[in-house]
PDB file of N, CA and C in Angstrom:
ATOM      1  N   MET A   1      -1.563   2.289 -10.581  1.00  0.00           N
ATOM      2  CA  MET A   1      -0.645   3.232  -9.994  1.00  0.00           C
ATOM      3  C   MET A   1       0.745   2.636  -9.912  1.00  0.00           C
ATOM      4  N   ALA A   2       0.828   1.352  -9.571  1.00  0.00           N
ATOM      5  CA  ALA A   2       2.129   0.704  -9.455  1.00  0.00           C
ATOM      6  C   ALA A   2       2.871   0.743 -10.782  1.00  0.00           C
ATOM      7  N   LYS A   3       2.144   0.545 -11.867  1.00  0.00           N
ATOM      8  CA  LYS A   3       2.755   0.580 -13.200  1.00  0.00           C
ATOM      9  C   LYS A   3       3.340   1.957 -13.479  1.00  0.00           C
ATOM     10  N   ALA A   4       2.610   3.011 -13.174  1.00  0.00           N
ATOM     11  CA  ALA A   4       3.081   4.377 -13.418  1.00  0.00           C
ATOM     12  C   ALA A   4       4.304   4.701 -12.563  1.00  0.00           C
ATOM     13  N   VAL A   5       4.295   4.270 -11.316  1.00  0.00           N
ATOM     14  CA  VAL A   5       5.437   4.519 -10.434  1.00  0.00           C
ATOM     15  C   VAL A   5       6.653   3.742 -10.928  1.00  0.00           C
ATOM     16  N   GLN A   6       6.445   2.497 -11.352  1.00  0.00           N
ATOM     17  CA  GLN A   6       7.543   1.678 -11.870  1.00  0.00           C
ATOM     18  C   GLN A   6       8.139   2.306 -13.130  1.00  0.00           C
ATOM     19  N   GLU A   7       7.290   2.803 -14.019  1.00  0.00           N
ATOM     20  CA  GLU A   7       7.779   3.454 -15.241  1.00  0.00           C
ATOM     21  C   GLU A   7       8.557   4.720 -14.909  1.00  0.00           C
ATOM     22  N   ALA A   8       8.074   5.500 -13.961  1.00  0.00           N
ATOM     23  CA  ALA A   8       8.786   6.715 -13.557  1.00  0.00           C
ATOM     24  C   ALA A   8      10.129   6.371 -12.922  1.00  0.00           C
ATOM     25  N   ALA A   9      10.176   5.269 -12.182  1.00  0.00           N
ATOM     26  CA  ALA A   9      11.428   4.850 -11.549  1.00  0.00           C
ATOM     27  C   ALA A   9      12.481   4.485 -12.581  1.00  0.00           C
ATOM     28  N   SER A  10      12.050   3.938 -13.712  1.00  0.00           N
ATOM     29  CA  SER A  10      13.021   3.550 -14.742  1.00  0.00           C
ATOM     30  C   SER A  10      13.682   4.765 -15.391  1.00  0.00           C
ATOM     31  N   HIS A  11      13.105   5.947 -15.231  1.00  0.00           N
ATOM     32  CA  HIS A  11      13.677   7.177 -15.786  1.00  0.00           C
ATOM     33  C   HIS A  11      14.299   8.058 -14.704  1.00  0.00           C
ATOM     34  N   THR A  12      14.384   7.543 -13.484  1.00  0.00           N
ATOM     35  CA  THR A  12      14.901   8.325 -12.363  1.00  0.00           C
ATOM     36  C   THR A  12      16.253   7.765 -11.933  1.00  0.00           C
ATOM     37  N   PRO A  13      17.274   8.614 -11.826  1.00  0.00           N
ATOM     38  CA  PRO A  13      18.595   8.126 -11.425  1.00  0.00           C
ATOM     39  C   PRO A  13      18.732   8.018  -9.904  1.00  0.00           C
ATOM     40  N   GLY A  14      19.681   7.212  -9.488  1.00  0.00           N
ATOM     41  CA  GLY A  14      20.087   7.161  -8.089  1.00  0.00           C
ATOM     42  C   GLY A  14      19.184   6.372  -7.169  1.00  0.00           C
ATOM     43  N   LYS A  15      19.368   6.664  -5.886  1.00  0.00           N
ATOM     44  CA  LYS A  15      18.652   5.937  -4.839  1.00  0.00           C
ATOM     45  C   LYS A  15      17.154   6.206  -4.857  1.00  0.00           C
ATOM     46  N   GLU A  16      16.782   7.339  -5.413  1.00  0.00           N
ATOM     47  CA  GLU A  16      15.358   7.668  -5.494  1.00  0.00           C
ATOM     48  C   GLU A  16      14.615   6.625  -6.321  1.00  0.00           C
ATOM     49  N   ALA A  17      15.275   6.084  -7.342  1.00  0.00           N
ATOM     50  CA  ALA A  17      14.659   5.046  -8.171  1.00  0.00           C
ATOM     51  C   ALA A  17      14.389   3.787  -7.354  1.00  0.00           C
ATOM     52  N   LEU A  18      15.313   3.444  -6.456  1.00  0.00           N
ATOM     53  CA  LEU A  18      15.108   2.265  -5.600  1.00  0.00           C
ATOM     54  C   LEU A  18      13.901   2.458  -4.689  1.00  0.00           C
ATOM     55  N   ALA A  19      13.770   3.662  -4.149  1.00  0.00           N
ATOM     56  CA  ALA A  19      12.620   3.944  -3.286  1.00  0.00           C
ATOM     57  C   ALA A  19      11.325   3.870  -4.081  1.00  0.00           C
ATOM     58  N   MET A  20      11.352   4.373  -5.302  1.00  0.00           N
ATOM     59  CA  MET A  20      10.156   4.340  -6.145  1.00  0.00           C
ATOM     60  C   MET A  20       9.777   2.908  -6.502  1.00  0.00           C
ATOM     61  N   GLU A  21      10.772   2.070  -6.789  1.00  0.00           N
ATOM     62  CA  GLU A  21      10.495   0.663  -7.101  1.00  0.00           C
ATOM     63  C   GLU A  21       9.896  -0.050  -5.894  1.00  0.00           C
ATOM     64  N   SER A  22      10.415   0.246  -4.716  1.00  0.00           N
ATOM     65  CA  SER A  22       9.864  -0.352  -3.497  1.00  0.00           C
ATOM     66  C   SER A  22       8.429   0.101  -3.268  1.00  0.00           C
ATOM     67  N   TYR A  23       8.165   1.354  -3.560  1.00  0.00           N
ATOM     68  CA  TYR A  23       6.812   1.888  -3.415  1.00  0.00           C
ATOM     69  C   TYR A  23       5.862   1.205  -4.397  1.00  0.00           C
ATOM     70  N   ALA A  24       6.330   0.972  -5.612  1.00  0.00           N
ATOM     71  CA  ALA A  24       5.504   0.275  -6.612  1.00  0.00           C
ATOM     72  C   ALA A  24       5.181  -1.143  -6.144  1.00  0.00           C
ATOM     73  N   ARG A  25       6.172  -1.825  -5.562  1.00  0.00           N
ATOM     74  CA  ARG A  25       5.929  -3.175  -5.030  1.00  0.00           C
ATOM     75  C   ARG A  25       4.928  -3.122  -3.878  1.00  0.00           C
ATOM     76  N   ALA A  26       5.037  -2.097  -3.043  1.00  0.00           N
ATOM     77  CA  ALA A  26       4.101  -1.960  -1.920  1.00  0.00           C
ATOM     78  C   ALA A  26       2.678  -1.750  -2.425  1.00  0.00           C
ATOM     79  N   LEU A  27       2.528  -0.980  -3.496  1.00  0.00           N
ATOM     80  CA  LEU A  27       1.194  -0.771  -4.065  1.00  0.00           C
ATOM     81  C   LEU A  27       0.605  -2.077  -4.579  1.00  0.00           C
ATOM     82  N   LEU A  28       1.455  -2.974  -5.074  1.00  0.00           N
ATOM     83  CA  LEU A  28       0.962  -4.257  -5.587  1.00  0.00           C
ATOM     84  C   LEU A  28       0.523  -5.205  -4.477  1.00  0.00           C
ATOM     85  N   THR A  29       0.920  -4.923  -3.243  1.00  0.00           N
ATOM     86  CA  THR A  29       0.461  -5.785  -2.147  1.00  0.00           C
ATOM     87  C   THR A  29      -1.022  -5.572  -1.854  1.00  0.00           C
ATOM     88  N   ILE A  30      -1.562  -4.428  -2.262  1.00  0.00           N
ATOM     89  CA  ILE A  30      -2.980  -4.147  -1.991  1.00  0.00           C
ATOM     90  C   ILE A  30      -3.892  -5.141  -2.712  1.00  0.00           C
ATOM     91  N   PRO A  31      -3.803  -5.289  -4.049  1.00  0.00           N
ATOM     92  CA  PRO A  31      -4.675  -6.285  -4.692  1.00  0.00           C
ATOM     93  C   PRO A  31      -4.346  -7.710  -4.265  1.00  0.00           C
ATOM     94  N   SER A  32      -3.089  -7.955  -3.959  1.00  0.00           N
ATOM     95  CA  SER A  32      -2.702  -9.296  -3.509  1.00  0.00           C
ATOM     96  C   SER A  32      -3.370  -9.630  -2.178  1.00  0.00           C
ATOM     97  N   THR A  33      -3.336  -8.702  -1.251  1.00  0.00           N
ATOM     98  CA  THR A  33      -3.955  -8.917   0.062  1.00  0.00           C
ATOM     99  C   THR A  33      -5.467  -9.041  -0.052  1.00  0.00           C
ATOM    100  N   ILE A  34      -6.071  -8.208  -0.887  1.00  0.00           N
ATOM    101  CA  ILE A  34      -7.524  -8.270  -1.069  1.00  0.00           C
ATOM    102  C   ILE A  34      -7.938  -9.631  -1.615  1.00  0.00           C
ATOM    103  N   SER A  35      -7.236 -10.117  -2.637  1.00  0.00           N
ATOM    104  CA  SER A  35      -7.610 -11.408  -3.225  1.00  0.00           C
ATOM    105  C   SER A  35      -7.307 -12.562  -2.274  1.00  0.00           C
ATOM    106  N   ASP A  36      -6.222 -12.478  -1.512  1.00  0.00           N
ATOM    107  CA  ASP A  36      -5.931 -13.509  -0.505  1.00  0.00           C
ATOM    108  C   ASP A  36      -7.042 -13.567   0.536  1.00  0.00           C
ATOM    109  N   ASN A  37      -7.439 -12.402   1.032  1.00  0.00           N
ATOM    110  CA  ASN A  37      -8.483 -12.350   2.059  1.00  0.00           C
ATOM    111  C   ASN A  37      -9.830 -12.832   1.546  1.00  0.00           C
ATOM    112  N   ALA A  38     -10.048 -12.715   0.242  1.00  0.00           N
ATOM    113  CA  ALA A  38     -11.302 -13.197  -0.347  1.00  0.00           C
ATOM    114  C   ALA A  38     -11.237 -14.689  -0.662  1.00  0.00           C
ATOM    115  N   GLY A  39     -10.062 -15.291  -0.470  1.00  0.00           N
ATOM    116  CA  GLY A  39      -9.919 -16.731  -0.685  1.00  0.00           C
ATOM    117  C   GLY A  39      -9.564 -17.124  -2.102  1.00  0.00           C
ATOM    118  N   TYR A  40      -9.074 -16.181  -2.894  1.00  0.00           N
ATOM    119  CA  TYR A  40      -8.715 -16.475  -4.280  1.00  0.00           C
ATOM    120  C   TYR A  40      -7.200 -16.572  -4.434  1.00  0.00           C
ATOM    121  N   ASP A  41      -6.767 -17.080  -5.581  1.00  0.00           N
ATOM    122  CA  ASP A  41      -5.344 -17.206  -5.893  1.00  0.00           C
ATOM    123  C   ASP A  41      -4.802 -15.828  -6.267  1.00  0.00           C
ATOM    124  N   SER A  42      -4.128 -15.189  -5.324  1.00  0.00           N
ATOM    125  CA  SER A  42      -3.675 -13.815  -5.547  1.00  0.00           C
ATOM    126  C   SER A  42      -2.609 -13.731  -6.628  1.00  0.00           C
ATOM    127  N   ALA A  43      -1.747 -14.723  -6.721  1.00  0.00           N
ATOM    128  CA  ALA A  43      -0.697 -14.684  -7.747  1.00  0.00           C
ATOM    129  C   ALA A  43      -1.314 -14.661  -9.139  1.00  0.00           C
ATOM    130  N   GLN A  44      -2.323 -15.476  -9.353  1.00  0.00           N
ATOM    131  CA  GLN A  44      -2.991 -15.534 -10.653  1.00  0.00           C
ATOM    132  C   GLN A  44      -3.712 -14.222 -10.962  1.00  0.00           C
ATOM    133  N   LEU A  45      -4.490 -13.741 -10.004  1.00  0.00           N
ATOM    134  CA  LEU A  45      -5.272 -12.528 -10.240  1.00  0.00           C
ATOM    135  C   LEU A  45      -4.390 -11.298 -10.441  1.00  0.00           C
ATOM    136  N   VAL A  46      -3.348 -11.161  -9.631  1.00  0.00           N
ATOM    137  CA  VAL A  46      -2.469  -9.995  -9.759  1.00  0.00           C
ATOM    138  C   VAL A  46      -1.705 -10.043 -11.074  1.00  0.00           C
ATOM    139  N   SER A  47      -1.281 -11.235 -11.494  1.00  0.00           N
ATOM    140  CA  SER A  47      -0.581 -11.322 -12.785  1.00  0.00           C
ATOM    141  C   SER A  47      -1.523 -10.982 -13.941  1.00  0.00           C
ATOM    142  N   GLU A  48      -2.783 -11.406 -13.862  1.00  0.00           N
ATOM    143  CA  GLU A  48      -3.766 -11.038 -14.889  1.00  0.00           C
ATOM    144  C   GLU A  48      -4.021  -9.528 -14.882  1.00  0.00           C
ATOM    145  N   LEU A  49      -4.096  -8.954 -13.699  1.00  0.00           N
ATOM    146  CA  LEU A  49      -4.325  -7.519 -13.571  1.00  0.00           C
ATOM    147  C   LEU A  49      -3.158  -6.724 -14.160  1.00  0.00           C
ATOM    148  N   LYS A  50      -1.928  -7.136 -13.830  1.00  0.00           N
ATOM    149  CA  LYS A  50      -0.747  -6.460 -14.372  1.00  0.00           C
ATOM    150  C   LYS A  50      -0.685  -6.586 -15.888  1.00  0.00           C
ATOM    151  N   ALA A  51      -1.012  -7.761 -16.415  1.00  0.00           N
ATOM    152  CA  ALA A  51      -0.993  -7.966 -17.866  1.00  0.00           C
ATOM    153  C   ALA A  51      -2.034  -7.084 -18.547  1.00  0.00           C
ATOM    154  N   GLY A  52      -3.206  -6.993 -17.968  1.00  0.00           N
ATOM    155  CA  GLY A  52      -4.254  -6.149 -18.529  1.00  0.00           C
ATOM    156  C   GLY A  52      -3.870  -4.679 -18.532  1.00  0.00           C
ATOM    157  N   HIS A  53      -3.267  -4.232 -17.434  1.00  0.00           N
ATOM    158  CA  HIS A  53      -2.829  -2.836 -17.368  1.00  0.00           C
ATOM    159  C   HIS A  53      -1.710  -2.571 -18.368  1.00  0.00           C
ATOM    160  N   ALA A  54      -0.824  -3.547 -18.568  1.00  0.00           N
ATOM    161  CA  ALA A  54       0.266  -3.393 -19.540  1.00  0.00           C
ATOM    162  C   ALA A  54      -0.276  -3.272 -20.960  1.00  0.00           C
ATOM    163  N   GLN A  55      -1.436  -3.880 -21.214  1.00  0.00           N
ATOM    164  CA  GLN A  55      -2.060  -3.806 -22.540  1.00  0.00           C
ATOM    165  C   GLN A  55      -2.907  -2.544 -22.706  1.00  0.00           C
ATOM    166  N   GLY A  56      -2.921  -1.693 -21.676  1.00  0.00           N
ATOM    167  CA  GLY A  56      -3.638  -0.427 -21.782  1.00  0.00           C
ATOM    168  C   GLY A  56      -5.058  -0.437 -21.265  1.00  0.00           C
ATOM    169  N   HIS A  57      -5.487  -1.523 -20.653  1.00  0.00           N
ATOM    170  CA  HIS A  57      -6.842  -1.608 -20.090  1.00  0.00           C
ATOM    171  C   HIS A  57      -6.818  -1.016 -18.674  1.00  0.00           C
ATOM    172  N   ASN A  58      -6.900   0.296 -18.591  1.00  0.00           N
ATOM    173  CA  ASN A  58      -6.713   0.995 -17.318  1.00  0.00           C
ATOM    174  C   ASN A  58      -7.891   0.888 -16.362  1.00  0.00           C
ATOM    175  N   THR A  59      -9.037   0.425 -16.832  1.00  0.00           N
ATOM    176  CA  THR A  59     -10.202   0.320 -15.948  1.00  0.00           C
ATOM    177  C   THR A  59     -10.330  -1.064 -15.318  1.00  0.00           C
ATOM    178  N   LEU A  60      -9.346  -1.927 -15.545  1.00  0.00           N
ATOM    179  CA  LEU A  60      -9.403  -3.266 -14.952  1.00  0.00           C
ATOM    180  C   LEU A  60      -9.145  -3.203 -13.457  1.00  0.00           C
ATOM    181  N   GLY A  61      -9.812  -4.076 -12.739  1.00  0.00           N
ATOM    182  CA  GLY A  61      -9.632  -4.206 -11.305  1.00  0.00           C
ATOM    183  C   GLY A  61     -10.060  -5.595 -10.877  1.00  0.00           C
ATOM    184  N   LEU A  62     -10.035  -5.840  -9.589  1.00  0.00           N
ATOM    185  CA  LEU A  62     -10.408  -7.151  -9.061  1.00  0.00           C
ATOM    186  C   LEU A  62     -11.903  -7.192  -8.772  1.00  0.00           C
ATOM    187  N   ASP A  63     -12.577  -8.172  -9.348  1.00  0.00           N
ATOM    188  CA  ASP A  63     -13.995  -8.412  -9.086  1.00  0.00           C
ATOM    189  C   ASP A  63     -14.059  -9.574  -8.098  1.00  0.00           C
ATOM    190  N   MET A  64     -14.202  -9.262  -6.832  1.00  0.00           N
ATOM    191  CA  MET A  64     -14.148 -10.299  -5.806  1.00  0.00           C
ATOM    192  C   MET A  64     -15.445 -11.081  -5.687  1.00  0.00           C
ATOM    193  N   GLU A  65     -16.514 -10.595  -6.283  1.00  0.00           N
ATOM    194  CA  GLU A  65     -17.746 -11.383  -6.300  1.00  0.00           C
ATOM    195  C   GLU A  65     -17.607 -12.559  -7.253  1.00  0.00           C
ATOM    196  N   GLU A  66     -16.920 -12.339  -8.368  1.00  0.00           N
ATOM    197  CA  GLU A  66     -16.733 -13.388  -9.374  1.00  0.00           C
ATOM    198  C   GLU A  66     -15.371 -14.070  -9.259  1.00  0.00           C
ATOM    199  N   GLY A  67     -14.441 -13.458  -8.532  1.00  0.00           N
ATOM    200  CA  GLY A  67     -13.102 -14.026  -8.389  1.00  0.00           C
ATOM    201  C   GLY A  67     -12.270 -13.900  -9.650  1.00  0.00           C
ATOM    202  N   CYS A  68     -12.422 -12.777 -10.341  1.00  0.00           N
ATOM    203  CA  CYS A  68     -11.682 -12.584 -11.586  1.00  0.00           C
ATOM    204  C   CYS A  68     -11.324 -11.110 -11.743  1.00  0.00           C
ATOM    205  N   VAL A  69     -10.596 -10.838 -12.823  1.00  0.00           N
ATOM    206  CA  VAL A  69     -10.271  -9.464 -13.182  1.00  0.00           C
ATOM    207  C   VAL A  69     -11.359  -8.975 -14.125  1.00  0.00           C
ATOM    208  N   GLY A  70     -11.894  -7.796 -13.871  1.00  0.00           N
ATOM    209  CA  GLY A  70     -12.959  -7.270 -14.713  1.00  0.00           C
ATOM    210  C   GLY A  70     -12.883  -5.767 -14.848  1.00  0.00           C
ATOM    211  N   CYS A  71     -13.689  -5.241 -15.736  1.00  0.00           N
ATOM    212  CA  CYS A  71     -13.754  -3.797 -15.978  1.00  0.00           C
ATOM    213  C   CYS A  71     -14.572  -3.155 -14.858  1.00  0.00           C
ATOM    214  N   MET A  72     -13.931  -2.304 -14.098  1.00  0.00           N
ATOM    215  CA  MET A  72     -14.605  -1.669 -12.973  1.00  0.00           C
ATOM    216  C   MET A  72     -15.664  -0.669 -13.438  1.00  0.00           C
ATOM    217  N   ALA A  73     -15.492  -0.088 -14.613  1.00  0.00           N
ATOM    218  CA  ALA A  73     -16.499   0.842 -15.142  1.00  0.00           C
ATOM    219  C   ALA A  73     -17.802   0.107 -15.432  1.00  0.00           C
ATOM    220  N   LYS A  74     -17.702  -1.117 -15.954  1.00  0.00           N
ATOM    221  CA  LYS A  74     -18.905  -1.904 -16.246  1.00  0.00           C
ATOM    222  C   LYS A  74     -19.620  -2.338 -14.973  1.00  0.00           C
ATOM    223  N   VAL A  75     -18.852  -2.574 -13.915  1.00  0.00           N
ATOM    224  CA  VAL A  75     -19.431  -3.006 -12.644  1.00  0.00           C
ATOM    225  C   VAL A  75     -20.015  -1.813 -11.883  1.00  0.00           C
ATOM    226  N   GLY A  76     -19.608  -0.612 -12.278  1.00  0.00           N
ATOM    227  CA  GLY A  76     -20.123   0.584 -11.620  1.00  0.00           C
ATOM    228  C   GLY A  76     -19.251   1.105 -10.501  1.00  0.00           C
ATOM    229  N   ILE A  77     -17.995   0.688 -10.470  1.00  0.00           N
ATOM    230  CA  ILE A  77     -17.079   1.151  -9.432  1.00  0.00           C
ATOM    231  C   ILE A  77     -16.240   2.290  -9.998  1.00  0.00           C
ATOM    232  N   THR A  78     -16.320   3.437  -9.335  1.00  0.00           N
ATOM    233  CA  THR A  78     -15.498   4.583  -9.721  1.00  0.00           C
ATOM    234  C   THR A  78     -14.763   5.083  -8.487  1.00  0.00           C
ATOM    235  N   GLU A  79     -13.645   5.751  -8.717  1.00  0.00           N
ATOM    236  CA  GLU A  79     -12.866   6.292  -7.613  1.00  0.00           C
ATOM    237  C   GLU A  79     -12.667   7.784  -7.824  1.00  0.00           C
ATOM    238  N   SER A  80     -12.783   8.515  -6.767  1.00  0.00           N
ATOM    239  CA  SER A  80     -12.517   9.944  -6.817  1.00  0.00           C
ATOM    240  C   SER A  80     -11.010  10.153  -6.795  1.00  0.00           C
ATOM    241  N   TYR A  81     -10.503  10.892  -7.765  1.00  0.00           N
ATOM    242  CA  TYR A  81      -9.070  11.162  -7.825  1.00  0.00           C
ATOM    243  C   TYR A  81      -8.607  11.882  -6.571  1.00  0.00           C
ATOM    244  N   GLN A  82      -9.381  12.860  -6.097  1.00  0.00           N
ATOM    245  CA  GLN A  82      -8.973  13.637  -4.933  1.00  0.00           C
ATOM    246  C   GLN A  82      -8.878  12.767  -3.682  1.00  0.00           C
ATOM    247  N   VAL A  83      -9.830  11.861  -3.507  1.00  0.00           N
ATOM    248  CA  VAL A  83      -9.802  10.977  -2.342  1.00  0.00           C
ATOM    249  C   VAL A  83      -8.621  10.018  -2.442  1.00  0.00           C
ATOM    250  N   LYS A  84      -8.445   9.428  -3.609  1.00  0.00           N
ATOM    251  CA  LYS A  84      -7.343   8.486  -3.806  1.00  0.00           C
ATOM    252  C   LYS A  84      -5.998   9.179  -3.586  1.00  0.00           C
ATOM    253  N   ARG A  85      -5.859  10.382  -4.116  1.00  0.00           N
ATOM    254  CA  ARG A  85      -4.616  11.137  -3.962  1.00  0.00           C
ATOM    255  C   ARG A  85      -4.350  11.419  -2.489  1.00  0.00           C
ATOM    256  N   GLN A  86      -5.366  11.833  -1.748  1.00  0.00           N
ATOM    257  CA  GLN A  86      -5.185  12.154  -0.340  1.00  0.00           C
ATOM    258  C   GLN A  86      -4.821  10.918   0.476  1.00  0.00           C
ATOM    259  N   VAL A  87      -5.409   9.782   0.151  1.00  0.00           N
ATOM    260  CA  VAL A  87      -5.078   8.538   0.854  1.00  0.00           C
ATOM    261  C   VAL A  87      -3.611   8.189   0.636  1.00  0.00           C
ATOM    262  N   VAL A  88      -3.145   8.294  -0.605  1.00  0.00           N
ATOM    263  CA  VAL A  88      -1.749   7.973  -0.911  1.00  0.00           C
ATOM    264  C   VAL A  88      -0.811   8.970  -0.234  1.00  0.00           C
ATOM    265  N   VAL A  89      -1.147  10.250  -0.272  1.00  0.00           N
ATOM    266  CA  VAL A  89      -0.312  11.266   0.376  1.00  0.00           C
ATOM    267  C   VAL A  89      -0.255  11.029   1.885  1.00  0.00           C
ATOM    268  N   SER A  90      -1.386  10.742   2.503  1.00  0.00           N
ATOM    269  CA  SER A  90      -1.423  10.498   3.950  1.00  0.00           C
ATOM    270  C   SER A  90      -0.620   9.262   4.328  1.00  0.00           C
ATOM    271  N   ALA A  91      -0.724   8.214   3.528  1.00  0.00           N
ATOM    272  CA  ALA A  91       0.046   6.996   3.801  1.00  0.00           C
ATOM    273  C   ALA A  91       1.539   7.263   3.676  1.00  0.00           C
ATOM    274  N   ALA A  92       1.933   8.022   2.671  1.00  0.00           N
ATOM    275  CA  ALA A  92       3.351   8.350   2.493  1.00  0.00           C
ATOM    276  C   ALA A  92       3.855   9.213   3.648  1.00  0.00           C
ATOM    277  N   GLU A  93       3.046  10.159   4.104  1.00  0.00           N
ATOM    278  CA  GLU A  93       3.439  11.000   5.233  1.00  0.00           C
ATOM    279  C   GLU A  93       3.592  10.175   6.503  1.00  0.00           C
ATOM    280  N   ALA A  94       2.685   9.238   6.729  1.00  0.00           N
ATOM    281  CA  ALA A  94       2.777   8.380   7.912  1.00  0.00           C
ATOM    282  C   ALA A  94       4.033   7.524   7.858  1.00  0.00           C
ATOM    283  N   ALA A  95       4.330   6.962   6.690  1.00  0.00           N
ATOM    284  CA  ALA A  95       5.542   6.150   6.543  1.00  0.00           C
ATOM    285  C   ALA A  95       6.785   7.000   6.757  1.00  0.00           C
ATOM    286  N   GLU A  96       6.783   8.219   6.252  1.00  0.00           N
ATOM    287  CA  GLU A  96       7.931   9.114   6.419  1.00  0.00           C
ATOM    288  C   GLU A  96       8.144   9.449   7.890  1.00  0.00           C
ATOM    289  N   MET A  97       7.063   9.701   8.628  1.00  0.00           N
ATOM    290  CA  MET A  97       7.198  10.006  10.051  1.00  0.00           C
ATOM    291  C   MET A  97       7.781   8.820  10.802  1.00  0.00           C
ATOM    292  N   ILE A  98       7.348   7.615  10.454  1.00  0.00           N
ATOM    293  CA  ILE A  98       7.879   6.421  11.113  1.00  0.00           C
ATOM    294  C   ILE A  98       9.363   6.267  10.813  1.00  0.00           C
ATOM    295  N   LEU A  99       9.756   6.504   9.567  1.00  0.00           N
ATOM    296  CA  LEU A  99      11.159   6.359   9.189  1.00  0.00           C
ATOM    297  C   LEU A  99      12.048   7.433   9.801  1.00  0.00           C
ATOM    298  N   ARG A 100      11.494   8.586  10.120  1.00  0.00           N
ATOM    299  CA  ARG A 100      12.289   9.679  10.680  1.00  0.00           C
ATOM    300  C   ARG A 100      12.569   9.522  12.177  1.00  0.00           C
ATOM    301  N   VAL A 101      11.925   8.613  12.815  1.00  0.00           N
ATOM    302  CA  VAL A 101      12.155   8.421  14.245  1.00  0.00           C
ATOM    303  C   VAL A 101      13.533   7.794  14.422  1.00  0.00           C
ATOM    304  N   ASP A 102      14.468   8.568  15.029  1.00  0.00           N
ATOM    305  CA  ASP A 102      15.784   7.975  15.224  1.00  0.00           C
ATOM    306  C   ASP A 102      16.038   7.565  16.656  1.00  0.00           C
ATOM    307  N   ASP A 103      15.371   8.155  17.576  1.00  0.00           N
ATOM    308  CA  ASP A 103      15.582   7.803  18.978  1.00  0.00           C
ATOM    309  C   ASP A 103      14.251   7.437  19.614  1.00  0.00           C
ATOM    310  N   ILE A 104      14.324   6.439  20.442  1.00  0.00           N
ATOM    311  CA  ILE A 104      13.135   6.073  21.214  1.00  0.00           C
ATOM    312  C   ILE A 104      13.327   6.643  22.609  1.00  0.00           C
ATOM    313  N   LEU A 105      12.405   7.490  22.993  1.00  0.00           N
ATOM    314  CA  LEU A 105      12.503   8.105  24.313  1.00  0.00           C
ATOM    315  C   LEU A 105      11.898   7.163  25.338  1.00  0.00           C
ATOM    316  N   LYS A 106      12.646   6.982  26.388  1.00  0.00           N
ATOM    317  CA  LYS A 106      12.163   6.105  27.445  1.00  0.00           C
ATOM    318  C   LYS A 106      12.069   6.924  28.725  1.00  0.00           C
ATOM    319  N   ALA A 107      10.939   6.902  29.337  1.00  0.00           N
ATOM    320  CA  ALA A 107      10.746   7.655  30.575  1.00  0.00           C
ATOM    321  C   ALA A 107      11.507   6.978  31.704  1.00  0.00           C
ATOM    322  N   ALA A 108      12.096   7.809  32.562  1.00  0.00           N
ATOM    323  CA  ALA A 108      12.802   7.268  33.726  1.00  0.00           C
ATOM    324  C   ALA A 108      11.781   6.663  34.680  1.00  0.00           C
ATOM    325  N   PRO A 109      12.146   5.575  35.335  1.00  0.00           N
ATOM    326  CA  PRO A 109      11.194   4.978  36.280  1.00  0.00           C
ATOM    327  C   PRO A 109      10.902   5.951  37.425  1.00  0.00           C
ATOM    328  N   ARG A 110       9.668   5.972  37.860  1.00  0.00           N
ATOM    329  CA  ARG A 110       9.302   6.891  38.938  1.00  0.00           C
ATOM    330  C   ARG A 110       9.818   6.349  40.270  1.00  0.00           C
ATOM    331  N   GLN A 111      10.084   7.277  41.162  1.00  0.00           N
ATOM    332  CA  GLN A 111      10.574   6.900  42.486  1.00  0.00           C
ATOM    333  C   GLN A 111       9.436   6.279  43.286  1.00  0.00           C
ATOM    334  N   ARG A 112       9.744   5.204  43.920  1.00  0.00           N
ATOM    335  CA  ARG A 112       8.741   4.549  44.762  1.00  0.00           C
ATOM    336  C   ARG A 112       8.898   5.055  46.186  1.00  0.00           C
ATOM    337  N   GLY A 113       7.776   5.242  46.816  1.00  0.00           N
ATOM    338  CA  GLY A 113       7.806   5.693  48.207  1.00  0.00           C
ATOM    339  C   GLY A 113       8.101   4.528  49.153  1.00  0.00           C
ATOM    340  N   GLN A 114       8.248   4.858  50.417  1.00  0.00           N
ATOM    341  CA  GLN A 114       8.478   3.837  51.442  1.00  0.00           C
ATOM    342  C   GLN A 114       7.275   2.915  51.534  1.00  0.00           C
ATOM    343  N   ASP A 115       7.524   1.645  51.724  1.00  0.00           N
ATOM    344  CA  ASP A 115       6.446   0.681  51.911  1.00  0.00           C
ATOM    345  C   ASP A 115       5.848   0.903  53.292  1.00  0.00           C
ATOM    346  N   GLN A 116       4.549   1.161  53.359  1.00  0.00           N
ATOM    347  CA  GLN A 116       3.866   1.450  54.617  1.00  0.00           C
ATOM    348  C   GLN A 116       3.457   0.186  55.357  1.00  0.00           C
ATOM    349  N   GLY A 117       3.626  -0.963  54.724  1.00  0.00           N
ATOM    350  CA  GLY A 117       3.288  -2.206  55.385  1.00  0.00           C
ATOM    351  C   GLY A 117       1.808  -2.527  55.392  1.00  0.00           C
ATOM    352  N   HIS A 118       0.997  -1.824  54.612  1.00  0.00           N
ATOM    353  CA  HIS A 118      -0.441  -2.063  54.573  1.00  0.00           C
ATOM    354  C   HIS A 118      -0.822  -3.198  53.648  1.00  0.00           C
ATOM    355  N   CYS A 119       0.022  -3.561  52.749  1.00  0.00           N
ATOM    356  CA  CYS A 119      -0.352  -4.582  51.777  1.00  0.00           C
ATOM    357  C   CYS A 119       0.228  -5.912  52.125  1.00  0.00           C
TER     358      CYS A 119
END
C-alpha cells in the first residue's frame, strides 16, 4: 500500500503530495514495528520487502516465524479487501479528528463549600 500511495503522490501537485508521502511513510512503520517486536532486524526486512514489491512481487510479506520475507499466499495468509479498506478509512478518520481539534476545553473548577471542621 505504501508503494501505491508513494506513486500516487509523485503525480499529485501541491501540499496534498506531502501529506500522501507522510502517509506512505506511516504505512511503512507497520512492518517495521512488527519485525522490531518480533526481535528481528527491521531495517533489513523492510528493505527486502520494499525491493520485492518494487519488482512486482505483490504477495510478499513478513514471515515472523522464519524471520524473513516470504510469499503470503504460499503460507496461507490472505486479507479481505473490505476489512483492510475499512481499517485504513477508520484510522484516517481518527487521525483527521485529532488534527481538527483546535481548542482544548477546560472545565472551570467547582466551587468548594465552607469547611465544616469535621476532617
